[in-house]
Structures are given as structure tokens and as C-alpha cells.
N, C-alpha and C. Protein backbone atom coordinates (compact mmCIF):
# COMPACT_ATOMS: atom_id res chain seq x y z
N MET A 1 -12.88 -0.35 21.09
CA MET A 1 -11.71 -0.53 20.48
C MET A 1 -11.35 0.64 19.80
N ALA A 2 -10.17 1.24 19.96
CA ALA A 2 -9.57 2.36 19.40
C ALA A 2 -8.92 1.96 17.98
N ALA A 3 -9.47 2.85 17.05
CA ALA A 3 -8.84 2.50 15.70
C ALA A 3 -7.21 2.61 15.54
N VAL A 4 -6.69 1.86 14.90
CA VAL A 4 -5.29 1.97 14.60
C VAL A 4 -5.17 2.66 13.35
N ARG A 5 -4.62 3.92 13.25
CA ARG A 5 -4.67 4.75 12.09
C ARG A 5 -3.34 4.81 11.51
N GLY A 6 -3.21 5.11 10.16
CA GLY A 6 -1.97 5.16 9.39
C GLY A 6 -1.06 6.30 9.90
N ARG A 7 0.23 5.97 9.60
CA ARG A 7 1.15 6.98 10.02
C ARG A 7 1.94 7.59 9.00
N GLY A 8 2.04 8.65 8.96
CA GLY A 8 2.77 9.51 7.87
C GLY A 8 4.16 9.27 7.94
N ARG A 9 5.02 8.88 6.91
CA ARG A 9 6.58 8.88 7.00
C ARG A 9 7.23 9.76 5.78
N GLY A 10 8.38 10.17 6.05
CA GLY A 10 8.77 10.80 5.03
C GLY A 10 8.44 12.46 5.17
N SER A 11 9.06 13.12 4.28
CA SER A 11 8.86 14.55 3.94
C SER A 11 9.08 14.84 2.67
N GLY A 12 8.50 16.18 2.15
CA GLY A 12 8.97 16.68 0.95
C GLY A 12 7.94 16.35 -0.07
N THR A 13 8.18 16.29 -1.28
CA THR A 13 7.25 15.97 -2.51
C THR A 13 8.05 14.96 -3.32
N ALA A 14 7.34 13.87 -3.67
CA ALA A 14 7.88 13.12 -4.73
C ALA A 14 7.43 13.56 -6.19
N THR A 15 8.13 13.46 -7.00
CA THR A 15 8.04 13.81 -8.40
C THR A 15 7.72 12.77 -9.57
N ALA A 16 7.92 11.41 -9.19
CA ALA A 16 7.66 10.55 -10.33
C ALA A 16 6.25 10.75 -10.78
N THR A 17 6.18 10.52 -12.20
CA THR A 17 4.74 10.81 -12.83
C THR A 17 4.28 9.44 -13.67
N ASN A 18 5.03 8.41 -13.58
CA ASN A 18 4.58 7.07 -14.04
C ASN A 18 5.17 6.06 -13.42
N ALA A 19 4.87 4.86 -13.84
CA ALA A 19 5.40 3.53 -13.11
C ALA A 19 6.77 3.19 -13.44
N SER A 20 7.58 3.87 -14.22
CA SER A 20 8.83 3.53 -14.49
C SER A 20 9.65 4.91 -14.87
N SER A 21 11.00 4.72 -14.67
CA SER A 21 11.71 5.71 -14.99
C SER A 21 12.90 5.23 -15.96
N PRO A 22 13.34 6.10 -16.95
CA PRO A 22 14.22 5.64 -17.66
C PRO A 22 15.24 5.08 -17.17
N GLY A 23 15.69 4.00 -17.31
CA GLY A 23 16.92 3.20 -17.13
C GLY A 23 16.89 2.76 -15.62
N GLY A 24 15.97 3.02 -14.85
CA GLY A 24 15.82 2.80 -13.38
C GLY A 24 14.91 1.75 -13.07
N GLY A 25 14.02 1.32 -13.92
CA GLY A 25 13.02 0.31 -13.69
C GLY A 25 11.58 0.95 -13.01
N SER A 26 10.83 0.07 -12.34
CA SER A 26 9.62 0.51 -11.93
C SER A 26 9.87 1.32 -10.50
N LYS A 27 8.82 2.04 -10.13
CA LYS A 27 8.89 2.76 -8.93
C LYS A 27 8.27 1.56 -7.61
N ALA A 28 8.82 1.86 -6.43
CA ALA A 28 8.48 1.08 -5.41
C ALA A 28 8.45 2.06 -4.13
N LEU A 29 7.64 1.49 -3.23
CA LEU A 29 7.57 2.02 -1.91
C LEU A 29 7.81 0.95 -0.54
N THR A 30 8.69 1.24 0.15
CA THR A 30 8.79 0.42 1.33
C THR A 30 8.01 0.97 2.41
N LEU A 31 7.28 -0.25 3.05
CA LEU A 31 6.36 0.04 4.11
C LEU A 31 6.46 -0.99 5.33
N HIS A 32 6.27 -0.46 6.46
CA HIS A 32 6.51 -1.56 7.75
C HIS A 32 5.19 -2.43 7.46
N GLN A 33 5.46 -3.74 8.04
CA GLN A 33 4.41 -4.74 8.17
C GLN A 33 3.57 -4.39 9.40
N PRO A 34 2.53 -4.77 9.41
CA PRO A 34 1.56 -5.36 8.43
C PRO A 34 0.88 -4.52 7.46
N TRP A 35 1.04 -3.05 7.33
CA TRP A 35 0.64 -2.29 6.40
C TRP A 35 0.92 -2.71 4.88
N ALA A 36 2.10 -3.14 4.59
CA ALA A 36 2.62 -3.52 3.22
C ALA A 36 1.74 -4.67 2.60
N SER A 37 1.63 -5.83 3.60
CA SER A 37 0.67 -6.87 2.89
C SER A 37 -0.78 -6.67 2.97
N LEU A 38 -1.22 -5.67 3.96
CA LEU A 38 -2.68 -5.37 3.90
C LEU A 38 -2.85 -4.74 2.59
N LEU A 39 -2.03 -3.99 2.05
CA LEU A 39 -2.29 -2.98 0.93
C LEU A 39 -2.41 -4.05 -0.32
N VAL A 40 -1.30 -4.88 -0.39
CA VAL A 40 -1.48 -5.71 -1.40
C VAL A 40 -2.45 -6.74 -1.44
N TYR A 41 -2.90 -7.01 -0.32
CA TYR A 41 -4.10 -7.82 -0.27
C TYR A 41 -5.34 -7.15 -0.60
N GLY A 42 -5.28 -5.89 -0.83
CA GLY A 42 -6.64 -5.39 -1.14
C GLY A 42 -7.53 -4.94 0.20
N ILE A 43 -6.93 -5.41 1.32
CA ILE A 43 -7.81 -4.86 2.68
C ILE A 43 -7.56 -3.22 2.91
N LYS A 44 -6.37 -3.07 2.77
CA LYS A 44 -6.04 -1.53 2.83
C LYS A 44 -5.97 -1.01 1.58
N THR A 45 -6.72 0.37 1.32
CA THR A 45 -6.75 0.71 -0.01
C THR A 45 -6.31 2.20 0.03
N ALA A 46 -5.86 2.78 0.96
CA ALA A 46 -5.39 4.04 1.15
C ALA A 46 -4.13 4.11 2.01
N GLU A 47 -2.98 4.63 1.47
CA GLU A 47 -1.75 4.62 2.01
C GLU A 47 -1.43 6.01 2.45
N GLY A 48 -1.20 6.34 3.92
CA GLY A 48 -1.16 7.51 4.31
C GLY A 48 0.44 7.91 4.23
N ARG A 49 0.65 8.99 3.97
CA ARG A 49 2.07 9.85 3.94
C ARG A 49 1.87 10.99 4.60
N ASN A 50 3.02 11.83 4.85
CA ASN A 50 2.92 13.13 4.99
C ASN A 50 3.49 14.14 3.92
N TRP A 51 3.64 13.33 3.02
CA TRP A 51 3.87 14.09 1.61
C TRP A 51 3.16 13.57 0.39
N THR A 52 2.97 14.35 -0.64
CA THR A 52 2.11 14.02 -1.75
C THR A 52 2.96 13.42 -2.77
N THR A 53 2.27 12.90 -3.92
CA THR A 53 3.04 12.57 -4.89
C THR A 53 2.25 12.80 -6.22
N ASN A 54 2.96 12.98 -7.35
CA ASN A 54 2.30 13.11 -8.77
C ASN A 54 2.45 11.63 -9.32
N HIS A 55 2.87 10.71 -8.77
CA HIS A 55 3.02 9.41 -9.22
C HIS A 55 1.44 8.85 -9.49
N ARG A 56 1.05 8.23 -10.53
CA ARG A 56 0.03 7.53 -10.79
C ARG A 56 0.39 6.31 -11.71
N GLY A 57 -0.22 5.17 -11.27
CA GLY A 57 0.10 4.11 -12.05
C GLY A 57 0.51 2.71 -11.02
N LYS A 58 1.38 1.78 -11.64
CA LYS A 58 1.68 0.77 -10.85
C LYS A 58 2.87 0.98 -9.89
N LEU A 59 2.69 0.62 -8.83
CA LEU A 59 3.54 0.80 -7.78
C LEU A 59 4.01 -0.32 -6.96
N TRP A 60 5.02 -0.89 -6.91
CA TRP A 60 5.55 -2.02 -6.29
C TRP A 60 5.72 -1.86 -4.84
N ILE A 61 5.13 -2.82 -4.09
CA ILE A 61 5.15 -2.60 -2.58
C ILE A 61 6.32 -3.58 -1.99
N HIS A 62 7.18 -3.02 -1.15
CA HIS A 62 8.19 -3.57 -0.47
C HIS A 62 7.98 -3.60 1.13
N ALA A 63 8.13 -4.49 1.77
CA ALA A 63 7.98 -4.68 3.18
C ALA A 63 9.32 -4.42 3.80
N ALA A 64 9.20 -3.58 4.63
CA ALA A 64 10.79 -3.49 5.45
C ALA A 64 11.01 -4.52 6.40
N SER A 65 12.18 -4.61 6.83
CA SER A 65 12.72 -5.51 7.66
C SER A 65 12.28 -5.55 9.24
N LYS A 66 11.63 -4.49 9.61
CA LYS A 66 11.39 -4.38 10.92
C LYS A 66 10.18 -5.29 11.41
N GLN A 67 10.60 -6.10 12.43
CA GLN A 67 9.50 -7.05 13.06
C GLN A 67 8.40 -6.37 13.53
N PRO A 68 7.06 -6.66 13.05
CA PRO A 68 5.85 -5.97 13.67
C PRO A 68 5.47 -6.46 14.93
N ASP A 69 4.74 -5.59 15.73
CA ASP A 69 4.30 -5.89 16.80
C ASP A 69 3.07 -6.71 16.71
N PRO A 70 3.01 -7.88 17.39
CA PRO A 70 1.71 -8.95 17.17
C PRO A 70 0.55 -8.28 17.64
N ASP A 71 0.58 -7.47 18.54
CA ASP A 71 -0.59 -6.68 19.01
C ASP A 71 -1.12 -5.59 17.87
N VAL A 72 -0.23 -4.95 17.32
CA VAL A 72 -0.57 -4.09 16.29
C VAL A 72 -1.30 -4.94 15.10
N ILE A 73 -0.84 -6.04 14.81
CA ILE A 73 -1.23 -6.81 13.78
C ILE A 73 -2.80 -7.14 14.10
N ARG A 74 -3.04 -7.83 15.39
CA ARG A 74 -4.17 -8.41 15.73
C ARG A 74 -5.15 -7.10 15.94
N SER A 75 -4.90 -5.94 16.39
CA SER A 75 -5.55 -4.90 16.37
C SER A 75 -6.16 -4.24 14.97
N LEU A 76 -5.25 -4.20 13.99
CA LEU A 76 -5.53 -3.76 12.55
C LEU A 76 -6.51 -5.12 12.05
N GLU A 77 -6.22 -6.29 12.39
CA GLU A 77 -7.20 -7.30 11.67
C GLU A 77 -8.37 -7.16 12.07
N GLU A 78 -8.47 -6.89 13.40
CA GLU A 78 -9.82 -6.70 14.09
C GLU A 78 -10.52 -5.51 13.63
N GLN A 79 -9.84 -4.30 13.61
CA GLN A 79 -10.33 -3.12 12.84
C GLN A 79 -11.04 -3.32 11.52
N TYR A 80 -10.15 -3.97 10.49
CA TYR A 80 -10.64 -4.06 9.22
C TYR A 80 -11.81 -5.23 9.15
N ARG A 81 -11.64 -6.12 10.08
CA ARG A 81 -12.92 -7.07 10.09
C ARG A 81 -14.30 -6.37 10.35
N LEU A 82 -14.07 -5.40 11.38
CA LEU A 82 -15.43 -4.68 11.94
C LEU A 82 -15.79 -3.64 10.86
N LEU A 83 -14.83 -3.18 10.09
CA LEU A 83 -15.36 -1.94 9.12
C LEU A 83 -15.58 -2.51 7.82
N SER A 84 -15.24 -3.73 7.33
CA SER A 84 -15.26 -4.43 6.06
C SER A 84 -16.87 -4.86 5.88
N PRO A 85 -17.27 -4.44 4.71
CA PRO A 85 -18.57 -5.20 4.29
C PRO A 85 -18.40 -6.41 3.86
N ASP A 86 -17.16 -6.97 3.45
CA ASP A 86 -16.74 -8.25 3.07
C ASP A 86 -16.72 -9.15 4.31
N GLU A 87 -17.77 -10.29 4.48
CA GLU A 87 -17.76 -11.22 5.41
C GLU A 87 -16.56 -12.20 5.38
N ASP A 88 -15.97 -12.26 4.01
CA ASP A 88 -15.10 -13.47 4.00
C ASP A 88 -13.84 -12.74 3.72
N LEU A 89 -13.58 -11.58 4.51
CA LEU A 89 -12.25 -11.02 4.24
C LEU A 89 -11.10 -11.95 4.95
N GLN A 90 -10.14 -12.18 3.91
CA GLN A 90 -9.04 -13.23 4.16
C GLN A 90 -7.59 -12.28 4.31
N PHE A 91 -7.11 -12.56 5.58
CA PHE A 91 -5.88 -11.70 5.92
C PHE A 91 -4.69 -12.87 5.76
N PRO A 92 -3.63 -12.13 5.28
CA PRO A 92 -2.25 -12.85 5.06
C PRO A 92 -2.17 -13.80 6.17
N LYS A 93 -1.57 -15.04 5.96
CA LYS A 93 -1.13 -16.03 6.87
C LYS A 93 0.20 -15.60 7.58
N ASP A 94 1.22 -14.91 6.89
CA ASP A 94 2.20 -14.21 7.57
C ASP A 94 2.46 -12.91 6.96
N TYR A 95 3.22 -12.33 7.48
CA TYR A 95 3.87 -10.96 6.98
C TYR A 95 5.33 -10.89 6.76
N PRO A 96 5.81 -11.34 5.36
CA PRO A 96 6.99 -11.09 5.16
C PRO A 96 7.75 -9.97 5.48
N LEU A 97 9.09 -10.08 5.79
CA LEU A 97 10.13 -8.93 6.02
C LEU A 97 11.17 -9.02 5.06
N GLY A 98 11.58 -7.66 4.63
CA GLY A 98 12.75 -7.55 3.86
C GLY A 98 12.65 -7.92 2.50
N ALA A 99 11.32 -7.75 1.89
CA ALA A 99 10.93 -8.34 0.59
C ALA A 99 9.99 -7.64 -0.10
N LEU A 100 9.97 -7.79 -1.53
CA LEU A 100 9.05 -7.27 -2.28
C LEU A 100 7.81 -8.07 -2.26
N VAL A 101 6.51 -7.67 -1.87
CA VAL A 101 5.35 -8.38 -1.48
C VAL A 101 4.18 -8.12 -2.69
N GLY A 102 4.32 -7.21 -3.41
CA GLY A 102 3.25 -7.21 -4.37
C GLY A 102 3.35 -5.78 -5.09
N ARG A 103 2.14 -5.32 -5.52
CA ARG A 103 2.07 -4.20 -6.55
C ARG A 103 0.69 -3.78 -6.62
N VAL A 104 0.48 -2.43 -6.24
CA VAL A 104 -0.99 -1.96 -6.54
C VAL A 104 -0.87 -0.71 -7.61
N GLU A 105 -2.04 -0.27 -8.03
CA GLU A 105 -1.92 0.92 -8.73
C GLU A 105 -2.60 2.14 -7.89
N VAL A 106 -1.73 3.42 -8.04
CA VAL A 106 -1.93 4.58 -7.53
C VAL A 106 -2.75 5.32 -8.37
N VAL A 107 -4.27 5.47 -7.95
CA VAL A 107 -5.20 6.05 -8.86
C VAL A 107 -5.30 7.63 -8.31
N ASP A 108 -4.89 8.04 -7.12
CA ASP A 108 -5.03 9.25 -6.86
C ASP A 108 -4.28 9.58 -5.54
N CYS A 109 -4.08 10.97 -5.40
CA CYS A 109 -3.39 11.29 -4.04
C CYS A 109 -4.07 12.51 -3.37
N ILE A 110 -4.79 12.37 -2.48
CA ILE A 110 -5.69 13.51 -1.89
C ILE A 110 -5.38 13.88 -0.67
N ASP A 111 -5.53 15.16 -0.11
CA ASP A 111 -5.44 15.62 1.22
C ASP A 111 -6.39 15.14 2.14
N GLN A 112 -6.17 15.22 3.33
CA GLN A 112 -6.83 14.50 4.59
C GLN A 112 -8.36 15.22 4.52
N LYS A 113 -8.46 16.40 4.44
CA LYS A 113 -9.79 17.08 4.32
C LYS A 113 -10.77 16.52 3.10
N ARG A 114 -10.11 16.18 2.00
CA ARG A 114 -10.85 15.63 0.97
C ARG A 114 -11.24 14.24 1.33
N TYR A 115 -10.31 13.30 1.96
CA TYR A 115 -10.38 11.99 2.26
C TYR A 115 -11.60 11.84 3.30
N GLN A 116 -11.47 12.74 4.30
CA GLN A 116 -12.75 12.69 5.56
C GLN A 116 -14.11 12.70 4.77
N SER A 117 -14.22 13.40 3.49
CA SER A 117 -15.57 13.36 2.89
C SER A 117 -15.93 12.19 1.98
N THR A 118 -15.04 11.16 1.73
CA THR A 118 -15.10 9.89 1.18
C THR A 118 -15.68 8.78 1.95
N GLU A 119 -16.64 7.82 1.54
CA GLU A 119 -17.05 6.66 2.14
C GLU A 119 -15.85 5.90 2.55
N GLU A 120 -14.72 5.99 1.88
CA GLU A 120 -13.55 5.13 2.17
C GLU A 120 -13.01 5.52 3.48
N ASN A 121 -13.19 6.58 3.82
CA ASN A 121 -12.76 6.81 5.28
C ASN A 121 -13.20 6.04 6.13
N GLN A 122 -14.45 5.65 6.18
CA GLN A 122 -15.28 4.96 6.99
C GLN A 122 -14.79 3.52 7.06
N ARG A 123 -14.22 3.08 6.06
CA ARG A 123 -13.68 1.51 6.00
C ARG A 123 -12.35 1.53 6.11
N ASP A 124 -11.45 2.72 6.08
CA ASP A 124 -9.96 2.61 6.01
C ASP A 124 -9.50 3.82 6.87
N PRO A 125 -10.01 4.00 8.14
CA PRO A 125 -9.50 5.19 8.64
C PRO A 125 -7.98 5.57 8.77
N ASN A 126 -7.70 6.66 8.48
CA ASN A 126 -6.32 7.20 8.37
C ASN A 126 -6.22 8.79 8.65
N ASP A 127 -5.30 9.07 9.38
CA ASP A 127 -5.18 10.48 9.87
C ASP A 127 -3.98 11.14 9.21
N SER A 128 -3.42 10.59 8.23
CA SER A 128 -2.12 11.18 7.78
C SER A 128 -2.63 12.36 6.85
N GLU A 129 -1.53 13.16 6.61
CA GLU A 129 -1.87 14.43 5.90
C GLU A 129 -2.23 14.12 4.35
N PHE A 130 -1.62 13.34 3.76
CA PHE A 130 -2.17 12.91 2.40
C PHE A 130 -2.49 11.36 2.26
N LEU A 131 -3.39 10.86 1.34
CA LEU A 131 -3.76 9.66 1.12
C LEU A 131 -3.66 9.29 -0.33
N TRP A 132 -2.72 8.15 -0.48
CA TRP A 132 -2.44 7.72 -1.83
C TRP A 132 -3.78 6.49 -1.98
N LEU A 133 -4.55 7.02 -3.04
CA LEU A 133 -5.51 5.88 -3.19
C LEU A 133 -5.24 4.84 -3.84
N CYS A 134 -5.33 3.61 -3.50
CA CYS A 134 -4.62 2.36 -4.51
C CYS A 134 -5.85 1.37 -4.84
N SER A 135 -5.71 0.75 -6.03
CA SER A 135 -6.48 -0.25 -6.48
C SER A 135 -5.75 -1.15 -7.21
N ASN A 136 -6.45 -2.26 -7.72
CA ASN A 136 -6.03 -3.18 -8.42
C ASN A 136 -4.58 -3.87 -7.79
N PRO A 137 -4.87 -4.47 -6.45
CA PRO A 137 -3.86 -4.98 -5.80
C PRO A 137 -3.34 -6.42 -6.30
N GLU A 138 -2.20 -6.69 -6.21
CA GLU A 138 -1.70 -7.80 -6.64
C GLU A 138 -0.53 -8.38 -5.66
N ARG A 139 -0.72 -9.57 -5.15
CA ARG A 139 0.52 -10.17 -4.14
C ARG A 139 1.41 -11.13 -5.04
N LEU A 140 2.54 -10.97 -4.29
CA LEU A 140 3.46 -12.07 -4.98
C LEU A 140 3.19 -13.40 -4.12
N THR A 141 3.21 -14.40 -5.20
CA THR A 141 3.07 -15.83 -4.41
C THR A 141 4.26 -16.08 -3.64
N LEU A 142 5.28 -15.67 -4.15
CA LEU A 142 6.68 -15.78 -3.24
C LEU A 142 7.42 -14.70 -3.17
N PRO A 143 7.31 -13.86 -1.78
CA PRO A 143 7.86 -12.59 -1.72
C PRO A 143 9.41 -12.89 -2.10
N PHE A 144 9.98 -11.75 -2.81
CA PHE A 144 11.13 -11.62 -3.32
C PHE A 144 12.10 -10.90 -2.39
N ARG A 145 13.11 -11.63 -1.61
CA ARG A 145 13.94 -10.85 -0.69
C ARG A 145 14.67 -9.89 -1.24
N MET A 146 14.83 -8.85 -0.92
CA MET A 146 15.58 -7.73 -1.28
C MET A 146 15.70 -6.44 -0.18
N SER A 147 16.55 -5.65 -0.58
CA SER A 147 16.67 -4.31 0.50
C SER A 147 15.73 -3.38 -0.10
N GLY A 148 15.00 -2.48 0.76
CA GLY A 148 14.32 -1.44 0.27
C GLY A 148 15.02 -0.16 0.33
N ASN A 149 14.22 0.94 0.29
CA ASN A 149 14.65 2.31 0.20
C ASN A 149 13.68 3.30 1.05
N GLN A 150 14.00 4.62 1.27
CA GLN A 150 13.09 5.52 1.57
C GLN A 150 12.34 6.08 0.36
N ARG A 151 11.23 6.71 0.83
CA ARG A 151 10.54 7.33 -0.23
C ARG A 151 10.35 6.47 -1.53
N LEU A 152 9.72 7.18 -2.52
CA LEU A 152 9.66 6.42 -3.97
C LEU A 152 11.15 6.01 -4.49
N TRP A 153 11.25 4.76 -4.88
CA TRP A 153 12.62 4.40 -5.27
C TRP A 153 12.47 3.43 -6.40
N ASN A 154 13.58 3.31 -7.35
CA ASN A 154 13.39 2.34 -8.71
C ASN A 154 13.99 0.89 -8.23
N ILE A 155 13.15 0.07 -8.78
CA ILE A 155 13.34 -1.30 -8.89
C ILE A 155 14.13 -1.61 -10.00
N PRO A 156 15.24 -2.42 -10.12
CA PRO A 156 15.77 -2.67 -11.40
C PRO A 156 14.77 -3.66 -12.20
N THR A 157 14.78 -3.28 -13.43
CA THR A 157 13.88 -4.07 -14.55
C THR A 157 14.05 -5.49 -14.55
N ASN A 158 15.12 -6.14 -14.40
CA ASN A 158 15.40 -7.47 -14.42
C ASN A 158 14.61 -8.05 -13.18
N VAL A 159 14.50 -7.39 -12.08
CA VAL A 159 13.66 -7.81 -10.88
C VAL A 159 12.32 -7.94 -10.97
N THR A 160 11.65 -6.73 -11.78
CA THR A 160 10.49 -6.39 -11.85
C THR A 160 9.80 -7.40 -12.99
N GLN A 161 10.68 -7.83 -13.97
CA GLN A 161 10.31 -8.81 -15.05
C GLN A 161 9.88 -10.15 -14.39
N GLY A 162 10.95 -10.59 -13.48
CA GLY A 162 10.75 -11.95 -12.82
C GLY A 162 9.63 -11.86 -11.94
N ALA A 163 9.31 -10.60 -11.19
CA ALA A 163 8.45 -10.69 -10.08
C ALA A 163 7.10 -10.63 -10.68
N GLN A 164 6.94 -10.16 -11.83
CA GLN A 164 5.55 -9.87 -12.60
C GLN A 164 5.11 -11.28 -12.86
N LYS A 165 5.85 -12.12 -13.08
CA LYS A 165 5.34 -13.75 -13.38
C LYS A 165 4.60 -14.51 -12.17
N ALA A 166 5.03 -13.94 -10.95
CA ALA A 166 4.34 -14.45 -9.59
C ALA A 166 3.32 -13.46 -9.07
N LEU A 167 2.78 -12.57 -9.63
CA LEU A 167 1.77 -11.77 -9.37
C LEU A 167 0.38 -12.41 -9.41
N VAL A 168 -0.36 -12.30 -8.33
CA VAL A 168 -1.78 -12.87 -8.24
C VAL A 168 -2.94 -11.65 -7.95
N PRO A 169 -3.67 -11.44 -8.80
CA PRO A 169 -4.63 -10.31 -8.55
C PRO A 169 -5.48 -10.73 -7.44
N MET A 170 -5.74 -9.68 -6.68
CA MET A 170 -6.54 -10.01 -5.24
C MET A 170 -7.92 -9.06 -5.59
N THR A 171 -9.01 -9.32 -4.99
CA THR A 171 -10.20 -8.87 -5.01
C THR A 171 -10.08 -7.70 -3.93
N GLN A 172 -10.86 -6.64 -4.39
CA GLN A 172 -10.81 -5.27 -3.20
C GLN A 172 -11.70 -4.48 -3.74
N ARG A 173 -11.80 -3.46 -2.91
CA ARG A 173 -12.74 -2.21 -3.08
C ARG A 173 -12.06 -1.43 -4.08
N LYS A 174 -12.94 -0.79 -4.78
CA LYS A 174 -12.40 0.06 -5.82
C LYS A 174 -12.65 1.44 -5.31
N HIS A 175 -11.64 2.45 -5.71
CA HIS A 175 -11.99 3.92 -5.27
C HIS A 175 -12.50 4.42 -6.52
N ARG A 176 -13.48 5.39 -6.18
CA ARG A 176 -14.21 6.05 -7.16
C ARG A 176 -13.61 7.28 -7.43
N ARG A 177 -13.20 7.56 -8.77
CA ARG A 177 -12.25 8.77 -9.07
C ARG A 177 -13.22 10.09 -8.94
N ASP A 178 -14.52 9.87 -9.09
CA ASP A 178 -15.37 11.09 -8.85
C ASP A 178 -15.62 11.46 -7.44
N SER A 179 -15.08 10.86 -6.45
CA SER A 179 -15.38 11.21 -5.26
C SER A 179 -15.10 12.88 -4.99
N PRO A 180 -15.67 13.47 -4.07
CA PRO A 180 -15.47 15.02 -3.90
C PRO A 180 -14.01 15.21 -3.58
């Protein structure tokens, strides 16, 4: 089976440095499914981009409205089953579209060369130029339908205040900050 690798999207450099912006609410990133749900379930722990970020901390994950290819979903689920040390790996029952699906914590952003030297690369292969290392995944019990945006964007505070009440922590692999 050929590994399904992450795809980089976007260009340039994001400059957010924390989980919220004055007057703009918390930061979010829109991803296609199934990658969005795999990230908030803690199955996927590195998000590949072709641009770097200074953002560290909480990041809301929004699922784009594009319908995922069922073959891609099956292939990714098979890949993660084979690569995961967790025999009880639970995949999402469905992959919501056009909705806020959860939140992760961005702990680092490293380049591909450095990522290749980590053990995480063996469990979450990704050939993107930059990898956003994520931990502490939380999924929403009820996805919140809304429009997304490209790159990092701000979610209004009133949306995140309500969504926080529906977050469920997920078990996941942790990234080691002291990786080479």
C-alpha cells in the first residue's frame, strides 16, 4: 500500500503568535476532510503546510465543505491502523463538512528535514515543507456549521465561547519538544 502523504496548501508566512487576536477571537485553520477530523481525534499529529507559522497554542480546526473521496478516507484509515501502536485506534464515524470540528494545540513548527529525523515521521508520514506539530486534541461533540477561510483566520469570541462547552479531550500521542 502506498502511503497517503499530507499536502501543503497556501503560501507565505503566518505571523500569529498566540491563540487569540485582539478583538478578533481565537485562531482557526480550515482543512479538508478527512484530515480535519483525524487531527482533532489525535490520530494525525502533524499538519503539513508549505508555509511556516509562529503561532503556538490553541488552534480551532474547521472542516472545509468539499466532499472527501471515500477511497482516500479508506486509504488513510488503513495507513494509520498499520502505523499506529494503538490497537484500539478509533476513527470518526463520519467526517462533517463546512463546520468547526475541534481544537488542537500547536506546540512547534519544524521543517521537513528536521521532521524526517523524528520518530513521529514513522507514524504520521508527511512530505510537506513544514510540519505543525499538534497535541492535546479536542473534538466537538456537535460540529458547529460555519464558513471557513484560507490560512489562519479569526473566529469570533462568541462562537468559541459556545463551542468550548462542547469540547471532548481525545487521547493521543504527544510530541516531544526535545526532538532533534
